[in-house]
């Protein structure tokens, strides 16, 4: 699931890989994105990699650390057209103040 203070302000797009397989690109100008990744996980340790790429600096809409693009992976439920993350497990975020591309890898252990 993604959260943004204001969509498009950070200038980042984030590629998500699970066990070295590309899952999708999360675009900074999108509204909230919710993806069920259950079928992409295997029992035991799973490698989750986020690669954040900053767009062209000339196109930057903000440089404020208050503008945040966050990706949350966790356990939750769906009901009434809403998705609730009850147990956030992984969090990755970039702000408009960040200027460099970034890669971060996590291990997610499933049952």
PDB file of N, CA and C in Angstrom:
ATOM      1  N   UNK A   1       0.846  -1.165   0.000  1.00  0.00           N
ATOM      2  CA  UNK A   1       0.000   0.000   0.000  1.00  0.00           C
ATOM      3  C   UNK A   1       0.894   1.230   0.000  1.00  0.00           C
ATOM      4  N   UNK A   2       0.459   2.257  -0.726  1.00  0.00           N
ATOM      5  CA  UNK A   2       1.208   3.507  -0.714  1.00  0.00           C
ATOM      6  C   UNK A   2       0.440   4.573   0.043  1.00  0.00           C
ATOM      7  N   UNK A   3       1.193   5.509   0.608  1.00  0.00           N
ATOM      8  CA  UNK A   3       0.649   6.702   1.244  1.00  0.00           C
ATOM      9  C   UNK A   3       1.496   7.871   0.769  1.00  0.00           C
ATOM     10  N   UNK A   4       0.836   8.981   0.456  1.00  0.00           N
ATOM     11  CA  UNK A   4       1.553  10.195   0.102  1.00  0.00           C
ATOM     12  C   UNK A   4       0.873  11.376   0.763  1.00  0.00           C
ATOM     13  N   UNK A   5       1.682  12.306   1.258  1.00  0.00           N
ATOM     14  CA  UNK A   5       1.086  13.501   1.834  1.00  0.00           C
ATOM     15  C   UNK A   5       0.370  14.284   0.732  1.00  0.00           C
ATOM     16  N   UNK A   6       1.038  14.450  -0.421  1.00  0.00           N
ATOM     17  CA  UNK A   6       0.439  15.068  -1.612  1.00  0.00           C
ATOM     18  C   UNK A   6       1.010  14.323  -2.816  1.00  0.00           C
ATOM     19  N   UNK A   7       0.177  13.573  -3.563  1.00  0.00           N
ATOM     20  CA  UNK A   7       0.698  12.817  -4.712  1.00  0.00           C
ATOM     21  C   UNK A   7       1.484  13.702  -5.687  1.00  0.00           C
ATOM     22  N   UNK A   8       2.623  13.159  -6.132  1.00  0.00           N
ATOM     23  CA  UNK A   8       3.447  13.814  -7.130  1.00  0.00           C
ATOM     24  C   UNK A   8       4.474  14.792  -6.610  1.00  0.00           C
ATOM     25  N   UNK A   9       4.466  15.090  -5.342  1.00  0.00           N
ATOM     26  CA  UNK A   9       5.360  16.127  -4.819  1.00  0.00           C
ATOM     27  C   UNK A   9       6.788  15.645  -4.571  1.00  0.00           C
ATOM     28  N   UNK A  10       6.995  14.361  -4.290  1.00  0.00           N
ATOM     29  CA  UNK A  10       8.355  13.902  -3.960  1.00  0.00           C
ATOM     30  C   UNK A  10       9.242  13.762  -5.189  1.00  0.00           C
ATOM     31  N   UNK A  11       8.649  13.530  -6.355  1.00  0.00           N
ATOM     32  CA  UNK A  11       9.438  13.339  -7.563  1.00  0.00           C
ATOM     33  C   UNK A  11       9.974  11.929  -7.725  1.00  0.00           C
ATOM     34  N   UNK A  12       9.542  11.018  -6.866  1.00  0.00           N
ATOM     35  CA  UNK A  12      10.041   9.639  -6.919  1.00  0.00           C
ATOM     36  C   UNK A  12       9.027   8.686  -7.532  1.00  0.00           C
ATOM     37  N   UNK A  13       9.542   7.678  -8.243  1.00  0.00           N
ATOM     38  CA  UNK A  13       8.825   6.465  -8.605  1.00  0.00           C
ATOM     39  C   UNK A  13       9.577   5.337  -7.911  1.00  0.00           C
ATOM     40  N   UNK A  14       8.862   4.298  -7.486  1.00  0.00           N
ATOM     41  CA  UNK A  14       9.485   3.210  -6.735  1.00  0.00           C
ATOM     42  C   UNK A  14       9.149   1.877  -7.386  1.00  0.00           C
ATOM     43  N   UNK A  15      10.195   1.146  -7.802  1.00  0.00           N
ATOM     44  CA  UNK A  15      10.019  -0.215  -8.320  1.00  0.00           C
ATOM     45  C   UNK A  15      10.055  -1.183  -7.146  1.00  0.00           C
ATOM     46  N   UNK A  16       9.161  -2.171  -7.182  1.00  0.00           N
ATOM     47  CA  UNK A  16       9.075  -3.170  -6.119  1.00  0.00           C
ATOM     48  C   UNK A  16       9.409  -4.539  -6.713  1.00  0.00           C
ATOM     49  N   UNK A  17      10.349  -5.226  -6.073  1.00  0.00           N
ATOM     50  CA  UNK A  17      10.744  -6.579  -6.463  1.00  0.00           C
ATOM     51  C   UNK A  17      10.508  -7.504  -5.282  1.00  0.00           C
ATOM     52  N   UNK A  18       9.993  -8.699  -5.554  1.00  0.00           N
ATOM     53  CA  UNK A  18       9.863  -9.723  -4.525  1.00  0.00           C
ATOM     54  C   UNK A  18      10.612 -10.946  -5.007  1.00  0.00           C
ATOM     55  N   UNK A  19      11.580 -11.391  -4.220  1.00  0.00           N
ATOM     56  CA  UNK A  19      12.439 -12.527  -4.579  1.00  0.00           C
ATOM     57  C   UNK A  19      13.039 -12.330  -5.963  1.00  0.00           C
ATOM     58  N   UNK A  20      13.553 -11.119  -6.195  1.00  0.00           N
ATOM     59  CA  UNK A  20      14.232 -10.724  -7.438  1.00  0.00           C
ATOM     60  C   UNK A  20      13.324 -10.668  -8.664  1.00  0.00           C
ATOM     61  N   UNK A  21      12.020 -10.780  -8.478  1.00  0.00           N
ATOM     62  CA  UNK A  21      11.066 -10.674  -9.587  1.00  0.00           C
ATOM     63  C   UNK A  21      10.338  -9.339  -9.466  1.00  0.00           C
ATOM     64  N   UNK A  22      10.350  -8.569 -10.583  1.00  0.00           N
ATOM     65  CA  UNK A  22       9.696  -7.268 -10.579  1.00  0.00           C
ATOM     66  C   UNK A  22       8.205  -7.440 -10.376  1.00  0.00           C
ATOM     67  N   UNK A  23       7.638  -6.683  -9.437  1.00  0.00           N
ATOM     68  CA  UNK A  23       6.208  -6.730  -9.149  1.00  0.00           C
ATOM     69  C   UNK A  23       5.475  -5.592  -9.845  1.00  0.00           C
ATOM     70  N   UNK A  24       5.942  -4.357  -9.626  1.00  0.00           N
ATOM     71  CA  UNK A  24       5.302  -3.210 -10.272  1.00  0.00           C
ATOM     72  C   UNK A  24       6.055  -1.937  -9.951  1.00  0.00           C
ATOM     73  N   UNK A  25       5.775  -0.906 -10.731  1.00  0.00           N
ATOM     74  CA  UNK A  25       6.298   0.428 -10.478  1.00  0.00           C
ATOM     75  C   UNK A  25       5.197   1.217  -9.773  1.00  0.00           C
ATOM     76  N   UNK A  26       5.546   1.814  -8.657  1.00  0.00           N
ATOM     77  CA  UNK A  26       4.634   2.691  -7.935  1.00  0.00           C
ATOM     78  C   UNK A  26       5.013   4.112  -8.329  1.00  0.00           C
ATOM     79  N   UNK A  27       4.112   4.798  -8.967  1.00  0.00           N
ATOM     80  CA  UNK A  27       4.408   6.134  -9.487  1.00  0.00           C
ATOM     81  C   UNK A  27       4.009   7.201  -8.478  1.00  0.00           C
ATOM     82  N   UNK A  28       4.887   8.170  -8.341  1.00  0.00           N
ATOM     83  CA  UNK A  28       4.661   9.237  -7.383  1.00  0.00           C
ATOM     84  C   UNK A  28       3.446  10.088  -7.668  1.00  0.00           C
ATOM     85  N   UNK A  29       2.972  10.079  -8.912  1.00  0.00           N
ATOM     86  CA  UNK A  29       1.815  10.904  -9.240  1.00  0.00           C
ATOM     87  C   UNK A  29       0.499  10.137  -9.157  1.00  0.00           C
ATOM     88  N   UNK A  30       0.536   8.883  -8.676  1.00  0.00           N
ATOM     89  CA  UNK A  30      -0.682   8.083  -8.522  1.00  0.00           C
ATOM     90  C   UNK A  30      -1.328   8.358  -7.173  1.00  0.00           C
ATOM     91  N   UNK A  31      -2.640   8.204  -7.134  1.00  0.00           N
ATOM     92  CA  UNK A  31      -3.314   8.201  -5.845  1.00  0.00           C
ATOM     93  C   UNK A  31      -2.906   6.918  -5.125  1.00  0.00           C
ATOM     94  N   UNK A  32      -3.434   6.663  -3.977  1.00  0.00           N
ATOM     95  CA  UNK A  32      -3.076   5.489  -3.185  1.00  0.00           C
ATOM     96  C   UNK A  32      -3.212   4.208  -4.011  1.00  0.00           C
ATOM     97  N   UNK A  33      -2.206   3.345  -3.899  1.00  0.00           N
ATOM     98  CA  UNK A  33      -2.180   2.058  -4.586  1.00  0.00           C
ATOM     99  C   UNK A  33      -2.204   0.961  -3.535  1.00  0.00           C
ATOM    100  N   UNK A  34      -3.074  -0.029  -3.732  1.00  0.00           N
ATOM    101  CA  UNK A  34      -3.145  -1.185  -2.848  1.00  0.00           C
ATOM    102  C   UNK A  34      -2.955  -2.425  -3.718  1.00  0.00           C
ATOM    103  N   UNK A  35      -1.996  -3.276  -3.352  1.00  0.00           N
ATOM    104  CA  UNK A  35      -1.703  -4.499  -4.092  1.00  0.00           C
ATOM    105  C   UNK A  35      -1.621  -5.656  -3.108  1.00  0.00           C
ATOM    106  N   UNK A  36      -2.318  -6.746  -3.394  1.00  0.00           N
ATOM    107  CA  UNK A  36      -2.218  -7.962  -2.587  1.00  0.00           C
ATOM    108  C   UNK A  36      -1.025  -8.756  -3.111  1.00  0.00           C
ATOM    109  N   UNK A  37       0.010  -8.906  -2.293  1.00  0.00           N
ATOM    110  CA  UNK A  37       1.227  -9.596  -2.731  1.00  0.00           C
ATOM    111  C   UNK A  37       1.302 -11.032  -2.237  1.00  0.00           C
ATOM    112  N   UNK A  38       0.245 -11.522  -1.616  1.00  0.00           N
ATOM    113  CA  UNK A  38       0.256 -12.866  -1.022  1.00  0.00           C
ATOM    114  C   UNK A  38       0.733 -13.918  -2.007  1.00  0.00           C
ATOM    115  N   UNK A  39       0.231 -13.886  -3.221  1.00  0.00           N
ATOM    116  CA  UNK A  39       0.595 -14.928  -4.205  1.00  0.00           C
ATOM    117  C   UNK A  39       2.048 -14.833  -4.662  1.00  0.00           C
ATOM    118  N   UNK A  40       2.717 -13.708  -4.384  1.00  0.00           N
ATOM    119  CA  UNK A  40       4.107 -13.528  -4.775  1.00  0.00           C
ATOM    120  C   UNK A  40       5.079 -14.009  -3.707  1.00  0.00           C
ATOM    121  N   UNK A  41       4.561 -14.365  -2.538  1.00  0.00           N
ATOM    122  CA  UNK A  41       5.411 -14.777  -1.428  1.00  0.00           C
ATOM    123  C   UNK A  41       5.464 -16.292  -1.321  1.00  0.00           C
ATOM    124  N   UNK A  42       6.584 -16.791  -0.837  1.00  0.00           N
ATOM    125  CA  UNK A  42       6.724 -18.230  -0.582  1.00  0.00           C
ATOM    126  C   UNK A  42       6.926 -18.420   0.914  1.00  0.00           C
ATOM    127  N   UNK A  43       6.614 -19.591   1.435  1.00  0.00           N
ATOM    128  CA  UNK A  43       6.834 -19.825   2.869  1.00  0.00           C
ATOM    129  C   UNK A  43       8.303 -19.619   3.233  1.00  0.00           C
ATOM    130  N   UNK A  44       8.541 -18.996   4.363  1.00  0.00           N
ATOM    131  CA  UNK A  44       9.912 -18.747   4.809  1.00  0.00           C
ATOM    132  C   UNK A  44      10.362 -17.343   4.451  1.00  0.00           C
ATOM    133  N   UNK A  45      11.658 -17.193   4.225  1.00  0.00           N
ATOM    134  CA  UNK A  45      12.250 -15.884   3.966  1.00  0.00           C
ATOM    135  C   UNK A  45      11.997 -15.437   2.533  1.00  0.00           C
ATOM    136  N   UNK A  46      11.571 -14.197   2.379  1.00  0.00           N
ATOM    137  CA  UNK A  46      11.356 -13.568   1.082  1.00  0.00           C
ATOM    138  C   UNK A  46      12.139 -12.266   1.047  1.00  0.00           C
ATOM    139  N   UNK A  47      12.772 -11.994  -0.087  1.00  0.00           N
ATOM    140  CA  UNK A  47      13.532 -10.759  -0.252  1.00  0.00           C
ATOM    141  C   UNK A  47      12.633  -9.732  -0.949  1.00  0.00           C
ATOM    142  N   UNK A  48      12.431  -8.589  -0.298  1.00  0.00           N
ATOM    143  CA  UNK A  48      11.652  -7.498  -0.867  1.00  0.00           C
ATOM    144  C   UNK A  48      12.613  -6.332  -1.097  1.00  0.00           C
ATOM    145  N   UNK A  49      12.666  -5.848  -2.341  1.00  0.00           N
ATOM    146  CA  UNK A  49      13.579  -4.771  -2.695  1.00  0.00           C
ATOM    147  C   UNK A  49      12.792  -3.599  -3.249  1.00  0.00           C
ATOM    148  N   UNK A  50      13.115  -2.417  -2.760  1.00  0.00           N
ATOM    149  CA  UNK A  50      12.534  -1.179  -3.260  1.00  0.00           C
ATOM    150  C   UNK A  50      13.642  -0.387  -3.939  1.00  0.00           C
ATOM    151  N   UNK A  51      13.390   0.075  -5.151  1.00  0.00           N
ATOM    152  CA  UNK A  51      14.341   0.925  -5.859  1.00  0.00           C
ATOM    153  C   UNK A  51      13.616   2.231  -6.181  1.00  0.00           C
ATOM    154  N   UNK A  52      14.029   3.289  -5.516  1.00  0.00           N
ATOM    155  CA  UNK A  52      13.414   4.599  -5.705  1.00  0.00           C
ATOM    156  C   UNK A  52      14.277   5.425  -6.652  1.00  0.00           C
ATOM    157  N   UNK A  53      13.630   5.976  -7.673  1.00  0.00           N
ATOM    158  CA  UNK A  53      14.343   6.802  -8.647  1.00  0.00           C
ATOM    159  C   UNK A  53      13.721   8.192  -8.672  1.00  0.00           C
ATOM    160  N   UNK A  54      14.581   9.178  -8.464  1.00  0.00           N
ATOM    161  CA  UNK A  54      14.138  10.571  -8.481  1.00  0.00           C
ATOM    162  C   UNK A  54      14.060  11.028  -9.932  1.00  0.00           C
ATOM    163  N   UNK A  55      12.980  11.698 -10.265  1.00  0.00           N
ATOM    164  CA  UNK A  55      12.808  12.225 -11.619  1.00  0.00           C
ATOM    165  C   UNK A  55      13.735  13.399 -11.874  1.00  0.00           C
ATOM    166  N   UNK A  56      13.550  14.046 -12.985  1.00  0.00           N
ATOM    167  CA  UNK A  56      14.346  15.186 -13.398  1.00  0.00           C
ATOM    168  C   UNK A  56      14.218  16.322 -12.381  1.00  0.00           C
ATOM    169  N   UNK A  57      15.340  16.822 -11.878  1.00  0.00           N
ATOM    170  CA  UNK A  57      15.324  17.882 -10.869  1.00  0.00           C
ATOM    171  C   UNK A  57      14.618  19.136 -11.375  1.00  0.00           C
ATOM    172  N   UNK A  58      14.680  19.389 -12.665  1.00  0.00           N
ATOM    173  CA  UNK A  58      14.024  20.577 -13.227  1.00  0.00           C
ATOM    174  C   UNK A  58      12.505  20.480 -13.124  1.00  0.00           C
ATOM    175  N   UNK A  59      11.977  19.258 -13.013  1.00  0.00           N
ATOM    176  CA  UNK A  59      10.534  19.046 -12.907  1.00  0.00           C
ATOM    177  C   UNK A  59      10.055  18.966 -11.460  1.00  0.00           C
ATOM    178  N   UNK A  60      10.952  19.161 -10.502  1.00  0.00           N
ATOM    179  CA  UNK A  60      10.597  19.011  -9.087  1.00  0.00           C
ATOM    180  C   UNK A  60       9.486  19.979  -8.702  1.00  0.00           C
ATOM    181  N   UNK A  61       8.501  19.454  -7.994  1.00  0.00           N
ATOM    182  CA  UNK A  61       7.382  20.270  -7.530  1.00  0.00           C
ATOM    183  C   UNK A  61       7.582  20.727  -6.089  1.00  0.00           C
ATOM    184  N   UNK A  62       8.521  20.079  -5.383  1.00  0.00           N
ATOM    185  CA  UNK A  62       8.749  20.415  -3.981  1.00  0.00           C
ATOM    186  C   UNK A  62      10.134  19.953  -3.567  1.00  0.00           C
ATOM    187  N   UNK A  63      10.641  20.547  -2.517  1.00  0.00           N
ATOM    188  CA  UNK A  63      11.872  20.060  -1.885  1.00  0.00           C
ATOM    189  C   UNK A  63      11.661  19.948  -0.374  1.00  0.00           C
ATOM    190  N   UNK A  64      10.413  19.871   0.026  1.00  0.00           N
ATOM    191  CA  UNK A  64      10.065  19.842   1.444  1.00  0.00           C
ATOM    192  C   UNK A  64      10.128  18.427   2.024  1.00  0.00           C
ATOM    193  N   UNK A  65      10.732  18.275   3.193  1.00  0.00           N
ATOM    194  CA  UNK A  65      10.724  16.965   3.854  1.00  0.00           C
ATOM    195  C   UNK A  65       9.326  16.564   4.333  1.00  0.00           C
ATOM    196  N   UNK A  66       8.386  17.501   4.315  1.00  0.00           N
ATOM    197  CA  UNK A  66       7.007  17.191   4.723  1.00  0.00           C
ATOM    198  C   UNK A  66       6.236  16.448   3.637  1.00  0.00           C
ATOM    199  N   UNK A  67       6.743  16.480   2.394  1.00  0.00           N
ATOM    200  CA  UNK A  67       6.112  15.735   1.308  1.00  0.00           C
ATOM    201  C   UNK A  67       6.743  14.349   1.245  1.00  0.00           C
ATOM    202  N   UNK A  68       5.955  13.333   1.628  1.00  0.00           N
ATOM    203  CA  UNK A  68       6.453  11.972   1.822  1.00  0.00           C
ATOM    204  C   UNK A  68       5.717  11.008   0.902  1.00  0.00           C
ATOM    205  N   UNK A  69       6.489  10.069   0.326  1.00  0.00           N
ATOM    206  CA  UNK A  69       5.947   8.953  -0.460  1.00  0.00           C
ATOM    207  C   UNK A  69       6.367   7.703   0.298  1.00  0.00           C
ATOM    208  N   UNK A  70       5.391   6.984   0.868  1.00  0.00           N
ATOM    209  CA  UNK A  70       5.659   5.836   1.738  1.00  0.00           C
ATOM    210  C   UNK A  70       5.026   4.579   1.154  1.00  0.00           C
ATOM    211  N   UNK A  71       5.773   3.471   1.222  1.00  0.00           N
ATOM    212  CA  UNK A  71       5.257   2.156   0.842  1.00  0.00           C
ATOM    213  C   UNK A  71       5.214   1.317   2.119  1.00  0.00           C
ATOM    214  N   UNK A  72       4.059   0.706   2.363  1.00  0.00           N
ATOM    215  CA  UNK A  72       3.879  -0.122   3.562  1.00  0.00           C
ATOM    216  C   UNK A  72       3.455  -1.514   3.125  1.00  0.00           C
ATOM    217  N   UNK A  73       4.142  -2.522   3.635  1.00  0.00           N
ATOM    218  CA  UNK A  73       3.745  -3.910   3.428  1.00  0.00           C
ATOM    219  C   UNK A  73       3.373  -4.462   4.795  1.00  0.00           C
ATOM    220  N   UNK A  74       2.209  -5.085   4.858  1.00  0.00           N
ATOM    221  CA  UNK A  74       1.773  -5.621   6.135  1.00  0.00           C
ATOM    222  C   UNK A  74       0.580  -6.529   5.989  1.00  0.00           C
ATOM    223  N   UNK A  75       0.120  -7.007   7.124  1.00  0.00           N
ATOM    224  CA  UNK A  75      -1.071  -7.860   7.169  1.00  0.00           C
ATOM    225  C   UNK A  75      -2.272  -6.974   7.431  1.00  0.00           C
ATOM    226  N   UNK A  76      -3.372  -7.281   6.755  1.00  0.00           N
ATOM    227  CA  UNK A  76      -4.551  -6.466   6.937  1.00  0.00           C
ATOM    228  C   UNK A  76      -5.788  -7.161   6.441  1.00  0.00           C
ATOM    229  N   UNK A  77      -6.824  -6.359   6.252  1.00  0.00           N
ATOM    230  CA  UNK A  77      -8.083  -6.905   5.762  1.00  0.00           C
ATOM    231  C   UNK A  77      -8.774  -5.874   4.891  1.00  0.00           C
ATOM    232  N   UNK A  78      -9.755  -6.367   4.145  1.00  0.00           N
ATOM    233  CA  UNK A  78     -10.513  -5.526   3.240  1.00  0.00           C
ATOM    234  C   UNK A  78     -11.983  -5.634   3.599  1.00  0.00           C
ATOM    235  N   UNK A  79     -12.659  -4.519   3.564  1.00  0.00           N
ATOM    236  CA  UNK A  79     -14.094  -4.532   3.841  1.00  0.00           C
ATOM    237  C   UNK A  79     -14.712  -3.190   3.545  1.00  0.00           C
ATOM    238  N   UNK A  80     -15.878  -3.209   2.950  1.00  0.00           N
ATOM    239  CA  UNK A  80     -16.580  -1.970   2.653  1.00  0.00           C
ATOM    240  C   UNK A  80     -15.835  -1.065   1.701  1.00  0.00           C
ATOM    241  N   UNK A  81     -15.032  -1.656   0.813  1.00  0.00           N
ATOM    242  CA  UNK A  81     -14.273  -0.855  -0.142  1.00  0.00           C
ATOM    243  C   UNK A  81     -13.020  -0.219   0.440  1.00  0.00           C
ATOM    244  N   UNK A  82     -12.661  -0.584   1.654  1.00  0.00           N
ATOM    245  CA  UNK A  82     -11.468  -0.050   2.306  1.00  0.00           C
ATOM    246  C   UNK A  82     -10.500  -1.178   2.640  1.00  0.00           C
ATOM    247  N   UNK A  83      -9.216  -0.862   2.630  1.00  0.00           N
ATOM    248  CA  UNK A  83      -8.177  -1.792   3.048  1.00  0.00           C
ATOM    249  C   UNK A  83      -7.517  -1.214   4.289  1.00  0.00           C
ATOM    250  N   UNK A  84      -7.417  -2.037   5.318  1.00  0.00           N
ATOM    251  CA  UNK A  84      -6.777  -1.618   6.561  1.00  0.00           C
ATOM    252  C   UNK A  84      -5.556  -2.493   6.809  1.00  0.00           C
ATOM    253  N   UNK A  85      -4.407  -1.862   7.010  1.00  0.00           N
ATOM    254  CA  UNK A  85      -3.196  -2.584   7.390  1.00  0.00           C
ATOM    255  C   UNK A  85      -3.195  -2.645   8.915  1.00  0.00           C
ATOM    256  N   UNK A  86      -3.479  -3.838   9.455  1.00  0.00           N
ATOM    257  CA  UNK A  86      -3.537  -4.026  10.908  1.00  0.00           C
ATOM    258  C   UNK A  86      -2.154  -4.212  11.520  1.00  0.00           C
ATOM    259  N   UNK A  87      -1.238  -4.795  10.730  1.00  0.00           N
ATOM    260  CA  UNK A  87       0.089  -5.109  11.236  1.00  0.00           C
ATOM    261  C   UNK A  87       1.124  -4.702  10.186  1.00  0.00           C
ATOM    262  N   UNK A  88       1.587  -3.441  10.196  1.00  0.00           N
ATOM    263  CA  UNK A  88       2.620  -3.039   9.237  1.00  0.00           C
ATOM    264  C   UNK A  88       3.916  -3.793   9.526  1.00  0.00           C
ATOM    265  N   UNK A  89       4.512  -4.360   8.483  1.00  0.00           N
ATOM    266  CA  UNK A  89       5.730  -5.157   8.656  1.00  0.00           C
ATOM    267  C   UNK A  89       6.949  -4.447   8.066  1.00  0.00           C
ATOM    268  N   UNK A  90       6.810  -3.899   6.849  1.00  0.00           N
ATOM    269  CA  UNK A  90       7.897  -3.177   6.188  1.00  0.00           C
ATOM    270  C   UNK A  90       7.432  -1.775   5.833  1.00  0.00           C
ATOM    271  N   UNK A  91       8.335  -0.814   5.992  1.00  0.00           N
ATOM    272  CA  UNK A  91       8.060   0.560   5.582  1.00  0.00           C
ATOM    273  C   UNK A  91       9.274   1.090   4.832  1.00  0.00           C
ATOM    274  N   UNK A  92       8.995   1.718   3.715  1.00  0.00           N
ATOM    275  CA  UNK A  92      10.037   2.365   2.920  1.00  0.00           C
ATOM    276  C   UNK A  92       9.502   3.722   2.523  1.00  0.00           C
ATOM    277  N   UNK A  93      10.327   4.760   2.651  1.00  0.00           N
ATOM    278  CA  UNK A  93       9.818   6.073   2.278  1.00  0.00           C
ATOM    279  C   UNK A  93      10.913   6.967   1.729  1.00  0.00           C
ATOM    280  N   UNK A  94      10.482   7.903   0.902  1.00  0.00           N
ATOM    281  CA  UNK A  94      11.333   8.960   0.382  1.00  0.00           C
ATOM    282  C   UNK A  94      10.571  10.262   0.546  1.00  0.00           C
ATOM    283  N   UNK A  95      11.302  11.354   0.704  1.00  0.00           N
ATOM    284  CA  UNK A  95      10.674  12.664   0.804  1.00  0.00           C
ATOM    285  C   UNK A  95      11.134  13.538  -0.359  1.00  0.00           C
ATOM    286  N   UNK A  96      10.436  14.639  -0.556  1.00  0.00           N
ATOM    287  CA  UNK A  96      10.821  15.571  -1.614  1.00  0.00           C
ATOM    288  C   UNK A  96      12.194  16.180  -1.339  1.00  0.00           C
ATOM    289  N   UNK A  97      12.613  16.211  -0.081  1.00  0.00           N
ATOM    290  CA  UNK A  97      13.929  16.751   0.278  1.00  0.00           C
ATOM    291  C   UNK A  97      15.065  15.799  -0.118  1.00  0.00           C
ATOM    292  N   UNK A  98      14.761  14.504  -0.264  1.00  0.00           N
ATOM    293  CA  UNK A  98      15.773  13.546  -0.698  1.00  0.00           C
ATOM    294  C   UNK A  98      16.122  13.837  -2.159  1.00  0.00           C
ATOM    295  N   UNK A  99      17.393  13.679  -2.502  1.00  0.00           N
ATOM    296  CA  UNK A  99      17.819  14.023  -3.857  1.00  0.00           C
ATOM    297  C   UNK A  99      18.415  12.855  -4.627  1.00  0.00           C
ATOM    298  N   UNK A 100      18.712  11.766  -3.960  1.00  0.00           N
ATOM    299  CA  UNK A 100      19.403  10.646  -4.594  1.00  0.00           C
ATOM    300  C   UNK A 100      18.470   9.461  -4.816  1.00  0.00           C
ATOM    301  N   UNK A 101      18.782   8.685  -5.868  1.00  0.00           N
ATOM    302  CA  UNK A 101      18.117   7.398  -6.031  1.00  0.00           C
ATOM    303  C   UNK A 101      18.502   6.532  -4.833  1.00  0.00           C
ATOM    304  N   UNK A 102      17.668   5.557  -4.507  1.00  0.00           N
ATOM    305  CA  UNK A 102      17.955   4.726  -3.337  1.00  0.00           C
ATOM    306  C   UNK A 102      17.420   3.322  -3.546  1.00  0.00           C
ATOM    307  N   UNK A 103      18.148   2.350  -3.023  1.00  0.00           N
ATOM    308  CA  UNK A 103      17.726   0.952  -3.032  1.00  0.00           C
ATOM    309  C   UNK A 103      17.775   0.444  -1.602  1.00  0.00           C
ATOM    310  N   UNK A 104      16.712  -0.239  -1.202  1.00  0.00           N
ATOM    311  CA  UNK A 104      16.700  -0.838   0.130  1.00  0.00           C
ATOM    312  C   UNK A 104      16.091  -2.220   0.025  1.00  0.00           C
ATOM    313  N   UNK A 105      16.740  -3.168   0.699  1.00  0.00           N
ATOM    314  CA  UNK A 105      16.305  -4.557   0.665  1.00  0.00           C
ATOM    315  C   UNK A 105      15.891  -4.986   2.069  1.00  0.00           C
ATOM    316  N   UNK A 106      14.786  -5.733   2.123  1.00  0.00           N
ATOM    317  CA  UNK A 106      14.258  -6.240   3.384  1.00  0.00           C
ATOM    318  C   UNK A 106      14.059  -7.751   3.269  1.00  0.00           C
ATOM    319  N   UNK A 107      14.052  -8.421   4.411  1.00  0.00           N
ATOM    320  CA  UNK A 107      13.664  -9.835   4.444  1.00  0.00           C
ATOM    321  C   UNK A 107      12.304  -9.911   5.134  1.00  0.00           C
ATOM    322  N   UNK A 108      11.364 -10.541   4.457  1.00  0.00           N
ATOM    323  CA  UNK A 108      10.013 -10.718   4.969  1.00  0.00           C
ATOM    324  C   UNK A 108       9.790 -12.214   5.141  1.00  0.00           C
ATOM    325  N   UNK A 109       9.584 -12.656   6.366  1.00  0.00           N
ATOM    326  CA  UNK A 109       9.398 -14.081   6.635  1.00  0.00           C
ATOM    327  C   UNK A 109       7.908 -14.378   6.772  1.00  0.00           C
ATOM    328  N   UNK A 110       7.449 -15.354   5.992  1.00  0.00           N
ATOM    329  CA  UNK A 110       6.034 -15.728   6.019  1.00  0.00           C
ATOM    330  C   UNK A 110       5.894 -17.148   6.545  1.00  0.00           C
ATOM    331  N   UNK A 111       4.646 -17.487   6.886  1.00  0.00           N
ATOM    332  CA  UNK A 111       4.358 -18.812   7.405  1.00  0.00           C
ATOM    333  C   UNK A 111       4.049 -19.769   6.282  1.00  0.00           C
TER     334      UNK A 111
END
